[in-house]
Amino acid sequence: MSYIGRKPTVGNFQICDAISVVNGQAAYTMQVGSVNVIPQSANHMIVSLNGTIQKPNSSFTVSGSTITFSSNLATGDVIDFIQILGDVLDLGVPSDGTVSLAKLTATGTKDATTFLRGDNTFATAGGGLASQQVFTSSGTWTKPSGINLIKVYVTAGGGGGGWSGGTNYHSGGGGGAGGTAIEIIDVSSVSSVSVTVASAATGGTQANFPGGGGTSSFGSYCSASGGNRGNYGGGIAGEAEGGVGSNGDINITGSAGQGGSDAVTIKETSGNGGGSFWGGGGSGDHSANGHAGANGGGGGGGQNFNAGSTGQNGGAGGAGIVVVEEYK
């Protein structure tokens, strides 16, 4: 509220310091704690002189911090007290326990299950983890009622395992695992988010190299890249690197896929696929196709024991996964 002139003192009740009467003097300075005080007006004061309450604007007047009695005081007169009332037309500071919920202007449900937020709205108190949505294929996350905060785990696809090669005893390498991004997101003003989940990558065959892991994402908030494909048995190039999370509060690199082998006399197993945040790396095998990865894990490599030129195929890389934990 605006005022012309001096703003009223609201609800500030004060007792002035004791004043010593000076013989033949009518005007005195009012102080509280040795500091001059200015009442709103004479009508906002209670003044007692010689045990008698004085009439405002008749027995005394005020100007600034000066009170002037209608006649000079004499030796023996006593100013018992001067009380300044402040602006008695305003509420000032309410007494404890006097304001009910009905008097508040805040919006929302006002009851024992809610609390008053800083934006003057009532909200349900946080109750921890309320629900969870798991995406194994692309779609749309839709916010359930009452959810204000989510924790998202975004995992990309794993790379496919490598073909064994057409020479006996050769072993394909495992695919790298998909990376993972983890992020906590305030969704109080969000209703839905697009979710992309990487499909499973193909394992390597005599005819085709294995596929690399695809990217998963949660809208524009965070994403993760897929793991590299495994190498075929005759073309050893070390381990297949895992993918990595991006823009999350935590960004995790998927484990690398185990390298293959071009041994010609040693009986061994093929390379295992790398494990993602959730594990799921496909295992290598002996004289068999590699096993598929899961939840972003890399596919295992194939191992050629006596399969001849057709060799053994690599396992498929695990599809990505997005998990959304929902909190009230």
C-alpha atoms as a PDB file:
ATOM      1  CA  MET A   1       0.000   0.000   0.000  1.00  0.00           C
ATOM      2  CA  SER A   2       1.301   3.488  -0.899  1.00  0.00           C
ATOM      3  CA  TYR A   3       1.146   6.538   1.338  1.00  0.00           C
ATOM      4  CA  ILE A   4       1.386  10.296   0.798  1.00  0.00           C
ATOM      5  CA  GLY A   5       3.818  11.588   3.362  1.00  0.00           C
ATOM      6  CA  ARG A   6       5.201   9.448   6.175  1.00  0.00           C
ATOM      7  CA  LYS A   7       4.192   5.770   6.212  1.00  0.00           C
ATOM      8  CA  PRO A   8       2.244   4.797   9.355  1.00  0.00           C
ATOM      9  CA  THR A   9       3.911   2.745  12.063  1.00  0.00           C
ATOM     10  CA  VAL A  10       1.999  -0.539  11.958  1.00  0.00           C
ATOM     11  CA  GLY A  11       1.237  -2.386  15.167  1.00  0.00           C
ATOM     12  CA  ASN A  12       4.335  -1.024  16.940  1.00  0.00           C
ATOM     13  CA  PHE A  13       3.283  -0.345  20.534  1.00  0.00           C
ATOM     14  CA  GLN A  14       5.978   1.494  22.499  1.00  0.00           C
ATOM     15  CA  ILE A  15       6.400   3.025  25.932  1.00  0.00           C
ATOM     16  CA  CYS A  16       8.504   6.180  25.870  1.00  0.00           C
ATOM     17  CA  ASP A  17      11.502   6.685  28.134  1.00  0.00           C
ATOM     18  CA  ALA A  18      10.783   8.459  31.440  1.00  0.00           C
ATOM     19  CA  ILE A  19      10.673  12.259  31.119  1.00  0.00           C
ATOM     20  CA  SER A  20      11.746  14.579  33.933  1.00  0.00           C
ATOM     21  CA  VAL A  21       9.489  17.621  34.328  1.00  0.00           C
ATOM     22  CA  VAL A  22      11.170  21.009  34.039  1.00  0.00           C
ATOM     23  CA  ASN A  23       9.452  23.816  35.991  1.00  0.00           C
ATOM     24  CA  GLY A  24       7.715  26.182  33.605  1.00  0.00           C
ATOM     25  CA  GLN A  25       8.213  24.016  30.493  1.00  0.00           C
ATOM     26  CA  ALA A  26       5.402  22.583  28.336  1.00  0.00           C
ATOM     27  CA  ALA A  27       7.314  20.932  25.455  1.00  0.00           C
ATOM     28  CA  TYR A  28       9.296  17.663  25.820  1.00  0.00           C
ATOM     29  CA  THR A  29      11.108  15.301  23.469  1.00  0.00           C
ATOM     30  CA  MET A  30       9.827  11.718  23.286  1.00  0.00           C
ATOM     31  CA  GLN A  31      12.368   8.897  23.020  1.00  0.00           C
ATOM     32  CA  VAL A  32      12.415   5.115  23.163  1.00  0.00           C
ATOM     33  CA  GLY A  33      15.762   3.606  24.036  1.00  0.00           C
ATOM     34  CA  SER A  34      17.284   7.124  23.873  1.00  0.00           C
ATOM     35  CA  VAL A  35      16.171   7.450  20.216  1.00  0.00           C
ATOM     36  CA  ASN A  36      13.636  10.054  19.151  1.00  0.00           C
ATOM     37  CA  VAL A  37      10.256   8.614  18.140  1.00  0.00           C
ATOM     38  CA  ILE A  38       7.500  10.185  16.048  1.00  0.00           C
ATOM     39  CA  PRO A  39       3.890   9.130  16.759  1.00  0.00           C
ATOM     40  CA  GLN A  40       1.386   8.913  13.903  1.00  0.00           C
ATOM     41  CA  SER A  41      -0.694  11.619  15.611  1.00  0.00           C
ATOM     42  CA  ALA A  42      -1.858  12.693  19.062  1.00  0.00           C
ATOM     43  CA  ASN A  43      -4.797  10.296  18.645  1.00  0.00           C
ATOM     44  CA  HIS A  44      -2.342   7.402  18.431  1.00  0.00           C
ATOM     45  CA  MET A  45      -1.044   8.038  21.965  1.00  0.00           C
ATOM     46  CA  ILE A  46      -2.051   7.435  25.560  1.00  0.00           C
ATOM     47  CA  VAL A  47      -0.565  10.048  27.912  1.00  0.00           C
ATOM     48  CA  SER A  48      -0.886  10.018  31.723  1.00  0.00           C
ATOM     49  CA  LEU A  49      -0.006  13.176  33.718  1.00  0.00           C
ATOM     50  CA  ASN A  50      -0.264  13.162  37.500  1.00  0.00           C
ATOM     51  CA  GLY A  51      -2.330   9.949  37.353  1.00  0.00           C
ATOM     52  CA  THR A  52      -4.821  11.340  34.832  1.00  0.00           C
ATOM     53  CA  ILE A  53      -5.195  10.287  31.177  1.00  0.00           C
ATOM     54  CA  GLN A  54      -4.865  13.369  28.949  1.00  0.00           C
ATOM     55  CA  LYS A  55      -7.182  14.227  26.065  1.00  0.00           C
ATOM     56  CA  PRO A  56      -5.409  14.259  22.673  1.00  0.00           C
ATOM     57  CA  ASN A  57      -5.286  17.584  20.824  1.00  0.00           C
ATOM     58  CA  SER A  58      -6.730  19.321  23.889  1.00  0.00           C
ATOM     59  CA  SER A  59      -4.536  18.538  26.889  1.00  0.00           C
ATOM     60  CA  PHE A  60      -1.528  17.981  24.586  1.00  0.00           C
ATOM     61  CA  THR A  61      -0.439  18.129  20.959  1.00  0.00           C
ATOM     62  CA  VAL A  62       2.436  16.526  19.071  1.00  0.00           C
ATOM     63  CA  SER A  63       4.774  17.748  16.363  1.00  0.00           C
ATOM     64  CA  GLY A  64       7.387  15.285  15.188  1.00  0.00           C
ATOM     65  CA  SER A  65       8.991  13.820  18.302  1.00  0.00           C
ATOM     66  CA  THR A  66       7.880  16.730  20.534  1.00  0.00           C
ATOM     67  CA  ILE A  67       4.873  16.580  22.876  1.00  0.00           C
ATOM     68  CA  THR A  68       3.546  19.932  24.084  1.00  0.00           C
ATOM     69  CA  PHE A  69       1.153  20.143  27.009  1.00  0.00           C
ATOM     70  CA  SER A  70      -1.593  22.767  26.987  1.00  0.00           C
ATOM     71  CA  SER A  71       0.074  24.573  29.894  1.00  0.00           C
ATOM     72  CA  ASN A  72       3.546  24.733  31.364  1.00  0.00           C
ATOM     73  CA  LEU A  73       4.295  22.005  33.866  1.00  0.00           C
ATOM     74  CA  ALA A  74       5.488  22.865  37.353  1.00  0.00           C
ATOM     75  CA  THR A  75       7.775  21.302  39.893  1.00  0.00           C
ATOM     76  CA  GLY A  76       5.993  18.284  41.403  1.00  0.00           C
ATOM     77  CA  ASP A  77       4.123  17.383  38.209  1.00  0.00           C
ATOM     78  CA  VAL A  78       4.798  13.830  37.014  1.00  0.00           C
ATOM     79  CA  ILE A  79       4.507  12.473  33.482  1.00  0.00           C
ATOM     80  CA  ASP A  80       3.494   8.908  34.433  1.00  0.00           C
ATOM     81  CA  PHE A  81       3.884   7.401  30.958  1.00  0.00           C
ATOM     82  CA  ILE A  82       3.493   8.030  27.246  1.00  0.00           C
ATOM     83  CA  GLN A  83       2.410   5.074  25.142  1.00  0.00           C
ATOM     84  CA  ILE A  84       2.603   5.208  21.338  1.00  0.00           C
ATOM     85  CA  LEU A  85       0.033   2.931  19.709  1.00  0.00           C
ATOM     86  CA  GLY A  86       1.235   2.843  16.090  1.00  0.00           C
ATOM     87  CA  ASP A  87      -1.435   2.607  13.372  1.00  0.00           C
ATOM     88  CA  VAL A  88      -4.259   0.946  15.289  1.00  0.00           C
ATOM     89  CA  LEU A  89      -6.387   0.670  12.119  1.00  0.00           C
ATOM     90  CA  ASP A  90      -4.007  -1.935  10.638  1.00  0.00           C
ATOM     91  CA  LEU A  91      -3.609  -5.496  11.855  1.00  0.00           C
ATOM     92  CA  GLY A  92       0.166  -5.294  12.264  1.00  0.00           C
ATOM     93  CA  VAL A  93       1.700  -8.559  13.477  1.00  0.00           C
ATOM     94  CA  PRO A  94      -1.029 -11.154  14.237  1.00  0.00           C
ATOM     95  CA  SER A  95      -0.971 -12.899  17.581  1.00  0.00           C
ATOM     96  CA  ASP A  96       0.253 -16.491  17.647  1.00  0.00           C
ATOM     97  CA  GLY A  97      -2.349 -19.061  16.610  1.00  0.00           C
ATOM     98  CA  THR A  98      -4.791 -16.526  15.148  1.00  0.00           C
ATOM     99  CA  VAL A  99      -4.377 -17.175  11.383  1.00  0.00           C
ATOM    100  CA  SER A 100      -6.289 -20.181   9.983  1.00  0.00           C
ATOM    101  CA  LEU A 101      -5.738 -21.900   6.599  1.00  0.00           C
ATOM    102  CA  ALA A 102      -8.899 -20.275   5.291  1.00  0.00           C
ATOM    103  CA  LYS A 103      -7.294 -16.829   5.677  1.00  0.00           C
ATOM    104  CA  LEU A 104      -4.379 -17.676   3.342  1.00  0.00           C
ATOM    105  CA  THR A 105      -4.515 -16.659  -0.328  1.00  0.00           C
ATOM    106  CA  ALA A 106      -2.345 -19.579  -1.497  1.00  0.00           C
ATOM    107  CA  THR A 107      -3.820 -21.865  -4.151  1.00  0.00           C
ATOM    108  CA  GLY A 108      -4.083 -25.641  -4.005  1.00  0.00           C
ATOM    109  CA  THR A 109      -5.428 -28.116  -1.477  1.00  0.00           C
ATOM    110  CA  LYS A 110      -4.995 -26.930   2.104  1.00  0.00           C
ATOM    111  CA  ASP A 111      -4.905 -29.888   4.479  1.00  0.00           C
ATOM    112  CA  ALA A 112      -2.641 -32.014   6.655  1.00  0.00           C
ATOM    113  CA  THR A 113      -1.067 -33.753   3.629  1.00  0.00           C
ATOM    114  CA  THR A 114       0.201 -30.584   1.881  1.00  0.00           C
ATOM    115  CA  PHE A 115       2.776 -27.878   2.520  1.00  0.00           C
ATOM    116  CA  LEU A 116       3.066 -24.238   1.436  1.00  0.00           C
ATOM    117  CA  ARG A 117       5.694 -23.670  -1.272  1.00  0.00           C
ATOM    118  CA  GLY A 118       7.682 -20.493  -1.856  1.00  0.00           C
ATOM    119  CA  ASP A 119       5.483 -19.644  -4.875  1.00  0.00           C
ATOM    120  CA  ASN A 120       2.413 -19.409  -2.597  1.00  0.00           C
ATOM    121  CA  THR A 121       0.898 -22.720  -3.667  1.00  0.00           C
ATOM    122  CA  PHE A 122       0.097 -25.783  -1.609  1.00  0.00           C
ATOM    123  CA  ALA A 123       1.751 -29.012  -2.781  1.00  0.00           C
ATOM    124  CA  THR A 124       1.760 -32.602  -1.623  1.00  0.00           C
ATOM    125  CA  ALA A 125       4.741 -33.413   0.538  1.00  0.00           C
ATOM    126  CA  GLY A 126       7.359 -35.561  -1.162  1.00  0.00           C
ATOM    127  CA  GLY A 127       6.794 -39.232  -0.519  1.00  0.00           C
ATOM    128  CA  GLY A 128       9.918 -40.692  -2.124  1.00  0.00           C
ATOM    129  CA  LEU A 129       9.826 -43.157  -5.015  1.00  0.00           C
ATOM    130  CA  ALA A 130       6.230 -43.515  -6.171  1.00  0.00           C
ATOM    131  CA  SER A 131       6.441 -45.420  -9.460  1.00  0.00           C
ATOM    132  CA  GLN A 132       8.669 -46.479 -12.340  1.00  0.00           C
ATOM    133  CA  GLN A 133       8.405 -46.781 -16.115  1.00  0.00           C
ATOM    134  CA  VAL A 134      10.724 -49.028 -18.145  1.00  0.00           C
ATOM    135  CA  PHE A 135      11.209 -48.550 -21.888  1.00  0.00           C
ATOM    136  CA  THR A 136      12.671 -51.394 -23.959  1.00  0.00           C
ATOM    137  CA  SER A 137      11.577 -49.727 -27.198  1.00  0.00           C
ATOM    138  CA  SER A 138      11.075 -46.129 -28.268  1.00  0.00           C
ATOM    139  CA  GLY A 139       7.978 -44.283 -27.091  1.00  0.00           C
ATOM    140  CA  THR A 140       6.801 -41.349 -24.962  1.00  0.00           C
ATOM    141  CA  TRP A 141       7.133 -40.911 -21.222  1.00  0.00           C
ATOM    142  CA  THR A 142       3.973 -39.368 -19.784  1.00  0.00           C
ATOM    143  CA  LYS A 143       4.096 -37.898 -16.299  1.00  0.00           C
ATOM    144  CA  PRO A 144       1.710 -39.512 -13.797  1.00  0.00           C
ATOM    145  CA  SER A 145      -0.355 -37.276 -11.528  1.00  0.00           C
ATOM    146  CA  GLY A 146       1.509 -35.859  -8.547  1.00  0.00           C
ATOM    147  CA  ILE A 147       5.016 -36.545  -9.880  1.00  0.00           C
ATOM    148  CA  ASN A 148       7.454 -33.621  -9.599  1.00  0.00           C
ATOM    149  CA  LEU A 149      10.880 -35.235  -9.899  1.00  0.00           C
ATOM    150  CA  ILE A 150      12.314 -38.112 -11.918  1.00  0.00           C
ATOM    151  CA  LYS A 151      15.596 -39.995 -12.083  1.00  0.00           C
ATOM    152  CA  VAL A 152      16.387 -41.258 -15.571  1.00  0.00           C
ATOM    153  CA  TYR A 153      18.757 -44.058 -16.612  1.00  0.00           C
ATOM    154  CA  VAL A 154      19.464 -43.976 -20.365  1.00  0.00           C
ATOM    155  CA  THR A 155      21.459 -46.929 -21.742  1.00  0.00           C
ATOM    156  CA  ALA A 156      22.472 -47.318 -25.394  1.00  0.00           C
ATOM    157  CA  GLY A 157      22.684 -50.533 -27.386  1.00  0.00           C
ATOM    158  CA  GLY A 158      25.597 -52.947 -27.280  1.00  0.00           C
ATOM    159  CA  GLY A 159      27.686 -53.825 -30.344  1.00  0.00           C
ATOM    160  CA  GLY A 160      27.214 -57.173 -32.051  1.00  0.00           C
ATOM    161  CA  GLY A 161      29.749 -59.967 -31.531  1.00  0.00           C
ATOM    162  CA  GLY A 162      32.248 -60.786 -34.256  1.00  0.00           C
ATOM    163  CA  TRP A 163      32.086 -63.769 -36.647  1.00  0.00           C
ATOM    164  CA  SER A 164      34.669 -66.424 -35.905  1.00  0.00           C
ATOM    165  CA  GLY A 165      36.182 -66.414 -39.344  1.00  0.00           C
ATOM    166  CA  GLY A 166      36.415 -69.357 -41.737  1.00  0.00           C
ATOM    167  CA  THR A 167      39.549 -70.925 -40.291  1.00  0.00           C
ATOM    168  CA  ASN A 168      39.364 -73.623 -37.625  1.00  0.00           C
ATOM    169  CA  TYR A 169      40.143 -72.444 -34.087  1.00  0.00           C
ATOM    170  CA  HIS A 170      39.627 -68.773 -34.905  1.00  0.00           C
ATOM    171  CA  SER A 171      37.475 -66.843 -32.416  1.00  0.00           C
ATOM    172  CA  GLY A 172      35.488 -63.636 -32.908  1.00  0.00           C
ATOM    173  CA  GLY A 173      35.659 -60.734 -30.466  1.00  0.00           C
ATOM    174  CA  GLY A 174      32.788 -59.556 -28.269  1.00  0.00           C
ATOM    175  CA  GLY A 175      30.949 -56.279 -28.909  1.00  0.00           C
ATOM    176  CA  GLY A 176      31.366 -53.252 -26.663  1.00  0.00           C
ATOM    177  CA  ALA A 177      28.557 -52.313 -24.254  1.00  0.00           C
ATOM    178  CA  GLY A 178      26.392 -49.217 -24.596  1.00  0.00           C
ATOM    179  CA  GLY A 179      27.079 -46.214 -22.399  1.00  0.00           C
ATOM    180  CA  THR A 180      24.676 -44.933 -19.732  1.00  0.00           C
ATOM    181  CA  ALA A 181      23.617 -41.433 -18.683  1.00  0.00           C
ATOM    182  CA  ILE A 182      21.918 -40.884 -15.321  1.00  0.00           C
ATOM    183  CA  GLU A 183      20.109 -37.613 -14.629  1.00  0.00           C
ATOM    184  CA  ILE A 184      17.709 -36.176 -12.040  1.00  0.00           C
ATOM    185  CA  ILE A 185      15.116 -33.904 -13.683  1.00  0.00           C
ATOM    186  CA  ASP A 186      12.535 -31.504 -12.236  1.00  0.00           C
ATOM    187  CA  VAL A 187       9.348 -32.249 -14.190  1.00  0.00           C
ATOM    188  CA  SER A 188       6.940 -30.056 -12.242  1.00  0.00           C
ATOM    189  CA  SER A 189       6.263 -28.103 -15.462  1.00  0.00           C
ATOM    190  CA  VAL A 190       6.735 -31.029 -17.899  1.00  0.00           C
ATOM    191  CA  SER A 191       3.941 -33.330 -19.085  1.00  0.00           C
ATOM    192  CA  SER A 192       5.728 -35.731 -21.467  1.00  0.00           C
ATOM    193  CA  VAL A 193       9.133 -36.515 -22.998  1.00  0.00           C
ATOM    194  CA  SER A 194      10.073 -38.441 -26.155  1.00  0.00           C
ATOM    195  CA  VAL A 195      12.096 -41.592 -25.445  1.00  0.00           C
ATOM    196  CA  THR A 196      14.463 -43.226 -27.956  1.00  0.00           C
ATOM    197  CA  VAL A 197      15.697 -46.766 -27.239  1.00  0.00           C
ATOM    198  CA  ALA A 198      18.377 -48.363 -29.424  1.00  0.00           C
ATOM    199  CA  SER A 199      17.393 -51.587 -31.177  1.00  0.00           C
ATOM    200  CA  ALA A 200      19.477 -54.741 -30.913  1.00  0.00           C
ATOM    201  CA  ALA A 201      22.566 -54.782 -33.133  1.00  0.00           C
ATOM    202  CA  THR A 202      23.053 -57.771 -35.448  1.00  0.00           C
ATOM    203  CA  GLY A 203      25.807 -60.275 -34.769  1.00  0.00           C
ATOM    204  CA  GLY A 204      28.550 -60.845 -37.316  1.00  0.00           C
ATOM    205  CA  THR A 205      28.211 -63.572 -39.978  1.00  0.00           C
ATOM    206  CA  GLN A 206      30.288 -64.866 -42.848  1.00  0.00           C
ATOM    207  CA  ALA A 207      28.450 -62.423 -45.099  1.00  0.00           C
ATOM    208  CA  ASN A 208      28.209 -59.346 -42.878  1.00  0.00           C
ATOM    209  CA  PHE A 209      30.106 -57.489 -40.229  1.00  0.00           C
ATOM    210  CA  PRO A 210      28.266 -57.118 -36.907  1.00  0.00           C
ATOM    211  CA  GLY A 211      26.286 -53.967 -36.225  1.00  0.00           C
ATOM    212  CA  GLY A 212      27.387 -51.243 -33.876  1.00  0.00           C
ATOM    213  CA  GLY A 213      25.188 -50.321 -30.911  1.00  0.00           C
ATOM    214  CA  GLY A 214      22.642 -47.550 -31.450  1.00  0.00           C
ATOM    215  CA  THR A 215      22.019 -44.375 -29.434  1.00  0.00           C
ATOM    216  CA  SER A 216      19.360 -44.039 -26.732  1.00  0.00           C
ATOM    217  CA  SER A 217      18.043 -40.722 -25.409  1.00  0.00           C
ATOM    218  CA  PHE A 218      15.507 -39.083 -23.099  1.00  0.00           C
ATOM    219  CA  GLY A 219      14.268 -36.064 -25.037  1.00  0.00           C
ATOM    220  CA  SER A 220      16.986 -33.416 -25.146  1.00  0.00           C
ATOM    221  CA  TYR A 221      17.933 -34.008 -21.522  1.00  0.00           C
ATOM    222  CA  CYS A 222      20.535 -36.760 -21.880  1.00  0.00           C
ATOM    223  CA  SER A 223      21.659 -39.552 -24.193  1.00  0.00           C
ATOM    224  CA  ALA A 224      24.178 -42.377 -24.547  1.00  0.00           C
ATOM    225  CA  SER A 225      26.153 -43.767 -27.481  1.00  0.00           C
ATOM    226  CA  GLY A 226      26.296 -47.437 -28.467  1.00  0.00           C
ATOM    227  CA  GLY A 227      29.175 -49.898 -28.129  1.00  0.00           C
ATOM    228  CA  ASN A 228      31.485 -50.713 -31.025  1.00  0.00           C
ATOM    229  CA  ARG A 229      31.048 -53.942 -32.992  1.00  0.00           C
ATOM    230  CA  GLY A 230      33.236 -56.958 -32.226  1.00  0.00           C
ATOM    231  CA  ASN A 231      36.022 -58.009 -34.590  1.00  0.00           C
ATOM    232  CA  TYR A 232      36.030 -61.223 -36.630  1.00  0.00           C
ATOM    233  CA  GLY A 233      38.459 -63.978 -35.764  1.00  0.00           C
ATOM    234  CA  GLY A 234      40.995 -63.451 -38.509  1.00  0.00           C
ATOM    235  CA  GLY A 235      41.147 -59.670 -38.111  1.00  0.00           C
ATOM    236  CA  ILE A 236      42.085 -59.145 -34.497  1.00  0.00           C
ATOM    237  CA  ALA A 237      42.223 -55.484 -33.592  1.00  0.00           C
ATOM    238  CA  GLY A 238      41.969 -55.580 -29.834  1.00  0.00           C
ATOM    239  CA  GLU A 239      38.912 -54.959 -27.705  1.00  0.00           C
ATOM    240  CA  ALA A 240      35.773 -53.224 -28.999  1.00  0.00           C
ATOM    241  CA  GLU A 241      35.239 -50.015 -27.027  1.00  0.00           C
ATOM    242  CA  GLY A 242      32.045 -49.319 -25.146  1.00  0.00           C
ATOM    243  CA  GLY A 243      29.778 -46.300 -25.669  1.00  0.00           C
ATOM    244  CA  VAL A 244      29.466 -43.406 -23.223  1.00  0.00           C
ATOM    245  CA  GLY A 245      26.718 -41.351 -21.579  1.00  0.00           C
ATOM    246  CA  SER A 246      26.263 -37.664 -22.417  1.00  0.00           C
ATOM    247  CA  ASN A 247      24.714 -34.650 -20.590  1.00  0.00           C
ATOM    248  CA  GLY A 248      23.726 -36.715 -17.559  1.00  0.00           C
ATOM    249  CA  ASP A 249      24.566 -35.883 -13.960  1.00  0.00           C
ATOM    250  CA  ILE A 250      26.575 -39.114 -14.191  1.00  0.00           C
ATOM    251  CA  ASN A 251      27.942 -40.405 -17.522  1.00  0.00           C
ATOM    252  CA  ILE A 252      29.121 -44.018 -17.621  1.00  0.00           C
ATOM    253  CA  THR A 253      31.238 -45.739 -20.256  1.00  0.00           C
ATOM    254  CA  GLY A 254      30.181 -49.272 -21.211  1.00  0.00           C
ATOM    255  CA  SER A 255      32.723 -52.052 -20.788  1.00  0.00           C
ATOM    256  CA  ALA A 256      34.799 -53.036 -23.809  1.00  0.00           C
ATOM    257  CA  GLY A 257      34.151 -56.293 -25.621  1.00  0.00           C
ATOM    258  CA  GLN A 258      36.853 -58.944 -25.247  1.00  0.00           C
ATOM    259  CA  GLY A 259      39.184 -59.356 -28.237  1.00  0.00           C
ATOM    260  CA  GLY A 260      39.104 -62.408 -30.524  1.00  0.00           C
ATOM    261  CA  SER A 261      41.852 -64.787 -31.585  1.00  0.00           C
ATOM    262  CA  ASP A 262      43.456 -66.186 -34.753  1.00  0.00           C
ATOM    263  CA  ALA A 263      44.911 -69.243 -33.060  1.00  0.00           C
ATOM    264  CA  VAL A 264      45.303 -72.253 -35.380  1.00  0.00           C
ATOM    265  CA  THR A 265      45.922 -75.093 -32.923  1.00  0.00           C
ATOM    266  CA  ILE A 266      44.608 -73.893 -29.556  1.00  0.00           C
ATOM    267  CA  LYS A 267      41.099 -74.813 -28.463  1.00  0.00           C
ATOM    268  CA  GLU A 268      39.624 -71.743 -26.755  1.00  0.00           C
ATOM    269  CA  THR A 269      36.454 -69.762 -26.299  1.00  0.00           C
ATOM    270  CA  SER A 270      35.585 -66.639 -28.196  1.00  0.00           C
ATOM    271  CA  GLY A 271      35.481 -63.105 -26.746  1.00  0.00           C
ATOM    272  CA  ASN A 272      32.794 -62.076 -24.276  1.00  0.00           C
ATOM    273  CA  GLY A 273      30.630 -59.018 -24.928  1.00  0.00           C
ATOM    274  CA  GLY A 274      31.147 -55.983 -22.669  1.00  0.00           C
ATOM    275  CA  GLY A 275      28.714 -55.369 -19.809  1.00  0.00           C
ATOM    276  CA  SER A 276      26.610 -52.193 -19.584  1.00  0.00           C
ATOM    277  CA  PHE A 277      25.487 -50.411 -16.396  1.00  0.00           C
ATOM    278  CA  TRP A 278      22.999 -53.278 -16.063  1.00  0.00           C
ATOM    279  CA  GLY A 279      25.504 -56.020 -16.953  1.00  0.00           C
ATOM    280  CA  GLY A 280      24.124 -58.177 -19.771  1.00  0.00           C
ATOM    281  CA  GLY A 281      27.273 -58.894 -21.802  1.00  0.00           C
ATOM    282  CA  GLY A 282      26.796 -61.921 -24.069  1.00  0.00           C
ATOM    283  CA  SER A 283      29.316 -64.688 -23.413  1.00  0.00           C
ATOM    284  CA  GLY A 284      31.657 -66.221 -25.947  1.00  0.00           C
ATOM    285  CA  ASP A 285      31.574 -69.984 -26.486  1.00  0.00           C
ATOM    286  CA  HIS A 286      33.560 -72.909 -27.842  1.00  0.00           C
ATOM    287  CA  SER A 287      32.635 -74.312 -31.224  1.00  0.00           C
ATOM    288  CA  ALA A 288      29.401 -72.339 -31.207  1.00  0.00           C
ATOM    289  CA  ASN A 289      27.756 -69.064 -32.056  1.00  0.00           C
ATOM    290  CA  GLY A 290      28.280 -66.179 -29.634  1.00  0.00           C
ATOM    291  CA  HIS A 291      25.505 -65.426 -27.152  1.00  0.00           C
ATOM    292  CA  ALA A 292      23.364 -62.308 -27.418  1.00  0.00           C
ATOM    293  CA  GLY A 293      23.794 -59.370 -25.081  1.00  0.00           C
ATOM    294  CA  ALA A 294      20.973 -57.846 -23.021  1.00  0.00           C
ATOM    295  CA  ASN A 295      20.129 -54.358 -21.708  1.00  0.00           C
ATOM    296  CA  GLY A 296      22.896 -52.685 -23.686  1.00  0.00           C
ATOM    297  CA  GLY A 297      25.474 -55.457 -23.248  1.00  0.00           C
ATOM    298  CA  GLY A 298      27.683 -56.424 -26.200  1.00  0.00           C
ATOM    299  CA  GLY A 299      27.159 -59.682 -28.081  1.00  0.00           C
ATOM    300  CA  GLY A 300      29.660 -62.533 -27.629  1.00  0.00           C
ATOM    301  CA  GLY A 301      31.947 -63.594 -30.501  1.00  0.00           C
ATOM    302  CA  GLY A 302      31.546 -66.843 -32.429  1.00  0.00           C
ATOM    303  CA  GLN A 303      34.188 -69.626 -32.162  1.00  0.00           C
ATOM    304  CA  ASN A 304      35.173 -71.902 -35.052  1.00  0.00           C
ATOM    305  CA  PHE A 305      36.336 -75.310 -33.896  1.00  0.00           C
ATOM    306  CA  ASN A 306      35.512 -77.510 -36.860  1.00  0.00           C
ATOM    307  CA  ALA A 307      32.908 -75.472 -38.714  1.00  0.00           C
ATOM    308  CA  GLY A 308      35.109 -74.905 -41.726  1.00  0.00           C
ATOM    309  CA  SER A 309      34.720 -71.843 -43.909  1.00  0.00           C
ATOM    310  CA  THR A 310      31.211 -70.975 -42.707  1.00  0.00           C
ATOM    311  CA  GLY A 311      32.518 -70.392 -39.179  1.00  0.00           C
ATOM    312  CA  GLN A 312      30.315 -69.440 -36.224  1.00  0.00           C
ATOM    313  CA  ASN A 313      28.232 -66.280 -35.969  1.00  0.00           C
ATOM    314  CA  GLY A 314      28.572 -63.556 -33.377  1.00  0.00           C
ATOM    315  CA  GLY A 315      25.808 -62.885 -30.879  1.00  0.00           C
ATOM    316  CA  ALA A 316      23.474 -59.889 -31.247  1.00  0.00           C
ATOM    317  CA  GLY A 317      24.206 -56.776 -29.255  1.00  0.00           C
ATOM    318  CA  GLY A 318      21.700 -56.082 -26.495  1.00  0.00           C
ATOM    319  CA  ALA A 319      19.034 -53.457 -27.199  1.00  0.00           C
ATOM    320  CA  GLY A 320      19.162 -50.309 -25.111  1.00  0.00           C
ATOM    321  CA  ILE A 321      16.947 -49.586 -22.151  1.00  0.00           C
ATOM    322  CA  VAL A 322      15.560 -46.439 -20.486  1.00  0.00           C
ATOM    323  CA  VAL A 323      14.344 -46.556 -16.898  1.00  0.00           C
ATOM    324  CA  VAL A 324      12.422 -43.627 -15.355  1.00  0.00           C
ATOM    325  CA  GLU A 325      12.033 -43.556 -11.559  1.00  0.00           C
ATOM    326  CA  GLU A 326       9.197 -41.222 -10.509  1.00  0.00           C
ATOM    327  CA  TYR A 327       9.166 -39.283  -7.249  1.00  0.00           C
ATOM    328  CA  LYS A 328       6.500 -37.156  -5.590  1.00  0.00           C
END
